[in-house]
Amino acid sequence: MDVIQIKMKRDLLKMSLEYSENLDIDKDEFSEWIHKRIEHYISEKKMSFDQLLIDAKHPLETRCNARLYTNRTGKDQCTHQRMKDSTYCQKHTQMIKREGVLRFGDIGEEIPNYDLIKQKQGISERIYWEHSDPIQQLQQILDQQKRKVILSTPKLVLF
């Protein structure tokens, strides 16, 4: 099961139980009932967390080659039309002129691990791309949490 669906079920249950605190009902009975309803509803619905670029304005072969961060998968391509004699739209052509690189690279190149504009400026800011594998998604969440704990922990002073 997808990690996102598990999280959604837990959040829905928690919110429902918080709402029921103000009601004059049996809490255990309500908890069991709402849990069954959530399970039923989510199992009935086919949910896809992949956002498709269905409404792309231009055919794939005439679209800009810049990679977008839209779904955080690294597979999304700019939907705007290329400029004449270029592989990029006006916006991304300007970005290359101004910064020297595209922030997330070209769709035909390897997915970058770092923000390319900031990396050019000497700043290493990691890009957290989302993986389709639930185990990789969970590992990514754990890595981000570990980083937050390390950054929020006061530095130890040793004498």
Foldseek 3Di string as FASTA:
>chain_A
DAPVLVVVLVVQLVVVLVVCVPPDDDSVVVSVVVSVVSVVVVVPDDDDLDDDPPVQPDDPVQAAQAFDCVSLARQDGHSDGPDPPGNHRPVQVVVCVVQVAHQQHGNPDDGDQARVSVVVVVDGDGRRGADPDRVVNVVSVVVVVVVVVVVPDDDDDDD
